Amino acid sequence: MSKSTSSTTGQPAGENATATFRHIRSNLFRIVHADGVWYQMSAKVGHVHLIFFTDRNPIPSETTYNVTPDNRLGAERVEERKIAGTYEREMEVDIVLDAETAKHLFDDLKTFIEANSPKKQ
């Protein structure tokens, strides 16, 4: 369950007070697969960067194909592919969290891991 550090200024206060949020997706919302994450402290004190990445084989920078007699694209000339000889680590997204939000994320992930890890006997 996620926790929010959003302000409820202007909302009713007291023991039974509630705040309702309507969840919308920005135009840039997307699902991102991650093979791992780098993290580093921000230049802004009390913030951390979580940089999610995907590892993959290199994508060819250039490919060549035969052209058929009727001017259609034919088979790729695989032996002519130009590929860098290294694996690629593509940085997908950098999420910046303040310390309180990072702690909530840590607590939620810890609970998730404990609930989904094999039980020790």
C-alpha atoms as a PDB file:
ATOM      1  CA  MET A   1       0.000   0.000   0.000  1.00  0.00           C
ATOM      2  CA  SER A   2       1.424   3.373  -0.895  1.00  0.00           C
ATOM      3  CA  LYS A   3       1.599   6.314   1.441  1.00  0.00           C
ATOM      4  CA  SER A   4       1.524   9.917   0.380  1.00  0.00           C
ATOM      5  CA  THR A   5       3.261  12.968   1.744  1.00  0.00           C
ATOM      6  CA  SER A   6       0.845  15.244  -0.133  1.00  0.00           C
ATOM      7  CA  SER A   7      -0.563  18.179   1.767  1.00  0.00           C
ATOM      8  CA  THR A   8      -4.251  18.171   2.700  1.00  0.00           C
ATOM      9  CA  THR A   9      -4.388  21.930   3.310  1.00  0.00           C
ATOM     10  CA  GLY A  10      -7.969  23.133   3.132  1.00  0.00           C
ATOM     11  CA  GLN A  11      -9.390  19.674   3.864  1.00  0.00           C
ATOM     12  CA  PRO A  12     -11.513  18.987   6.948  1.00  0.00           C
ATOM     13  CA  ALA A  13      -9.435  18.118   9.993  1.00  0.00           C
ATOM     14  CA  GLY A  14     -10.207  15.886  12.934  1.00  0.00           C
ATOM     15  CA  GLU A  15     -10.478  12.226  13.854  1.00  0.00           C
ATOM     16  CA  ASN A  16     -12.786  11.263  10.935  1.00  0.00           C
ATOM     17  CA  ALA A  17     -11.262  13.549   8.304  1.00  0.00           C
ATOM     18  CA  THR A  18     -10.664  12.054   4.864  1.00  0.00           C
ATOM     19  CA  ALA A  19      -8.995  13.127   1.626  1.00  0.00           C
ATOM     20  CA  THR A  20      -9.994  11.594  -1.703  1.00  0.00           C
ATOM     21  CA  PHE A  21      -7.645  11.548  -4.702  1.00  0.00           C
ATOM     22  CA  ARG A  22      -8.710  11.008  -8.296  1.00  0.00           C
ATOM     23  CA  HIS A  23      -6.023   8.951 -10.059  1.00  0.00           C
ATOM     24  CA  ILE A  24      -5.156  10.111 -13.581  1.00  0.00           C
ATOM     25  CA  ARG A  25      -2.283   9.229 -15.920  1.00  0.00           C
ATOM     26  CA  SER A  26      -0.112  11.914 -17.470  1.00  0.00           C
ATOM     27  CA  ASN A  27       0.524  11.832 -21.215  1.00  0.00           C
ATOM     28  CA  LEU A  28       4.002  10.497 -20.400  1.00  0.00           C
ATOM     29  CA  PHE A  29       2.772   7.585 -18.255  1.00  0.00           C
ATOM     30  CA  ARG A  30       4.185   4.227 -19.324  1.00  0.00           C
ATOM     31  CA  ILE A  31       5.097   0.845 -17.923  1.00  0.00           C
ATOM     32  CA  VAL A  32       8.838   0.323 -17.710  1.00  0.00           C
ATOM     33  CA  HIS A  33      10.582  -3.046 -17.301  1.00  0.00           C
ATOM     34  CA  ALA A  34      13.731  -2.787 -15.189  1.00  0.00           C
ATOM     35  CA  ASP A  35      16.620  -5.243 -14.910  1.00  0.00           C
ATOM     36  CA  GLY A  36      18.079  -3.151 -12.122  1.00  0.00           C
ATOM     37  CA  VAL A  37      18.393   0.248 -10.510  1.00  0.00           C
ATOM     38  CA  TRP A  38      21.241   2.620  -9.721  1.00  0.00           C
ATOM     39  CA  TYR A  39      20.775   4.980  -6.848  1.00  0.00           C
ATOM     40  CA  GLN A  40      22.646   8.068  -5.771  1.00  0.00           C
ATOM     41  CA  MET A  41      22.144  10.916  -3.390  1.00  0.00           C
ATOM     42  CA  SER A  42      20.854  14.111  -4.944  1.00  0.00           C
ATOM     43  CA  ALA A  43      22.658  17.432  -4.829  1.00  0.00           C
ATOM     44  CA  LYS A  44      19.522  18.565  -3.000  1.00  0.00           C
ATOM     45  CA  VAL A  45      19.954  17.392   0.593  1.00  0.00           C
ATOM     46  CA  GLY A  46      17.474  14.731   1.684  1.00  0.00           C
ATOM     47  CA  HIS A  47      16.674  13.434  -1.817  1.00  0.00           C
ATOM     48  CA  VAL A  48      17.703  10.266  -3.625  1.00  0.00           C
ATOM     49  CA  HIS A  49      17.747   9.406  -7.343  1.00  0.00           C
ATOM     50  CA  LEU A  50      16.561   5.935  -8.401  1.00  0.00           C
ATOM     51  CA  ILE A  51      17.699   5.323 -11.979  1.00  0.00           C
ATOM     52  CA  PHE A  52      16.025   2.251 -13.466  1.00  0.00           C
ATOM     53  CA  PHE A  53      17.746   0.483 -16.364  1.00  0.00           C
ATOM     54  CA  THR A  54      17.344  -2.358 -18.835  1.00  0.00           C
ATOM     55  CA  ASP A  55      20.267  -4.550 -19.955  1.00  0.00           C
ATOM     56  CA  ARG A  56      20.273  -5.862 -23.495  1.00  0.00           C
ATOM     57  CA  ASN A  57      22.369  -7.014 -26.390  1.00  0.00           C
ATOM     58  CA  PRO A  58      23.475  -4.167 -28.636  1.00  0.00           C
ATOM     59  CA  ILE A  59      21.141  -2.979 -31.371  1.00  0.00           C
ATOM     60  CA  PRO A  60      22.747  -2.801 -34.815  1.00  0.00           C
ATOM     61  CA  SER A  61      23.670   0.738 -35.839  1.00  0.00           C
ATOM     62  CA  GLU A  62      23.284  -0.253 -39.478  1.00  0.00           C
ATOM     63  CA  THR A  63      21.777  -3.125 -41.473  1.00  0.00           C
ATOM     64  CA  THR A  64      21.895  -3.922 -45.203  1.00  0.00           C
ATOM     65  CA  TYR A  65      19.266  -5.745 -47.271  1.00  0.00           C
ATOM     66  CA  ASN A  66      19.157  -7.135 -50.767  1.00  0.00           C
ATOM     67  CA  VAL A  67      16.739  -5.456 -53.154  1.00  0.00           C
ATOM     68  CA  THR A  68      14.664  -7.795 -55.297  1.00  0.00           C
ATOM     69  CA  PRO A  69      14.316  -7.310 -59.076  1.00  0.00           C
ATOM     70  CA  ASP A  70      10.861  -5.802 -58.522  1.00  0.00           C
ATOM     71  CA  ASN A  71      12.356  -3.185 -56.139  1.00  0.00           C
ATOM     72  CA  ARG A  72      11.177  -4.770 -52.889  1.00  0.00           C
ATOM     73  CA  LEU A  73      13.187  -5.241 -49.751  1.00  0.00           C
ATOM     74  CA  GLY A  74      14.714  -8.697 -49.689  1.00  0.00           C
ATOM     75  CA  ALA A  75      16.677 -10.675 -47.115  1.00  0.00           C
ATOM     76  CA  GLU A  76      18.999  -8.976 -44.660  1.00  0.00           C
ATOM     77  CA  ARG A  77      22.723  -9.404 -45.333  1.00  0.00           C
ATOM     78  CA  VAL A  78      23.407 -10.440 -41.729  1.00  0.00           C
ATOM     79  CA  GLU A  79      27.172 -10.616 -42.267  1.00  0.00           C
ATOM     80  CA  GLU A  80      27.160  -6.867 -42.994  1.00  0.00           C
ATOM     81  CA  ARG A  81      25.469  -5.780 -39.741  1.00  0.00           C
ATOM     82  CA  LYS A  82      27.359  -3.094 -37.860  1.00  0.00           C
ATOM     83  CA  ILE A  83      27.140  -3.726 -34.123  1.00  0.00           C
ATOM     84  CA  ALA A  84      29.155  -2.326 -31.224  1.00  0.00           C
ATOM     85  CA  GLY A  85      30.855  -5.181 -29.403  1.00  0.00           C
ATOM     86  CA  THR A  86      29.445  -4.382 -25.965  1.00  0.00           C
ATOM     87  CA  TYR A  87      26.251  -4.970 -24.045  1.00  0.00           C
ATOM     88  CA  GLU A  88      23.989  -1.967 -23.581  1.00  0.00           C
ATOM     89  CA  ARG A  89      22.507  -0.644 -20.356  1.00  0.00           C
ATOM     90  CA  GLU A  90      19.697   1.710 -21.264  1.00  0.00           C
ATOM     91  CA  MET A  91      18.693   4.131 -18.530  1.00  0.00           C
ATOM     92  CA  GLU A  92      14.884   4.181 -18.657  1.00  0.00           C
ATOM     93  CA  VAL A  93      13.782   6.652 -15.995  1.00  0.00           C
ATOM     94  CA  ASP A  94      15.192   8.629 -13.058  1.00  0.00           C
ATOM     95  CA  ILE A  95      12.834   8.927 -10.086  1.00  0.00           C
ATOM     96  CA  VAL A  96      13.730  11.463  -7.373  1.00  0.00           C
ATOM     97  CA  LEU A  97      12.325  10.821  -3.886  1.00  0.00           C
ATOM     98  CA  ASP A  98      12.563  12.748  -0.646  1.00  0.00           C
ATOM     99  CA  ALA A  99      13.676  10.806   2.447  1.00  0.00           C
ATOM    100  CA  GLU A 100      10.150  10.290   3.812  1.00  0.00           C
ATOM    101  CA  THR A 101       8.791   8.934   0.526  1.00  0.00           C
ATOM    102  CA  ALA A 102      11.881   6.714   0.107  1.00  0.00           C
ATOM    103  CA  LYS A 103      11.278   5.284   3.598  1.00  0.00           C
ATOM    104  CA  HIS A 104       7.631   4.496   2.749  1.00  0.00           C
ATOM    105  CA  LEU A 105       8.762   2.798  -0.476  1.00  0.00           C
ATOM    106  CA  PHE A 106      11.411   0.822   1.419  1.00  0.00           C
ATOM    107  CA  ASP A 107       8.871  -0.314   4.036  1.00  0.00           C
ATOM    108  CA  ASP A 108       6.354  -1.365   1.368  1.00  0.00           C
ATOM    109  CA  LEU A 109       8.988  -3.238  -0.657  1.00  0.00           C
ATOM    110  CA  LYS A 110      10.261  -4.988   2.473  1.00  0.00           C
ATOM    111  CA  THR A 111       6.712  -6.154   3.265  1.00  0.00           C
ATOM    112  CA  PHE A 112       6.250  -7.333  -0.341  1.00  0.00           C
ATOM    113  CA  ILE A 113       9.573  -9.249  -0.326  1.00  0.00           C
ATOM    114  CA  GLU A 114       8.829 -10.907   3.004  1.00  0.00           C
ATOM    115  CA  ALA A 115       5.373 -11.977   1.817  1.00  0.00           C
ATOM    116  CA  ASN A 116       6.706 -13.390  -1.473  1.00  0.00           C
ATOM    117  CA  SER A 117       9.935 -15.058  -0.332  1.00  0.00           C
ATOM    118  CA  PRO A 118      10.137 -18.778   0.379  1.00  0.00           C
ATOM    119  CA  LYS A 119       9.572 -19.484   4.080  1.00  0.00           C
ATOM    120  CA  LYS A 120      12.588 -20.722   6.038  1.00  0.00           C
ATOM    121  CA  GLN A 121      12.046 -23.992   7.883  1.00  0.00           C
END
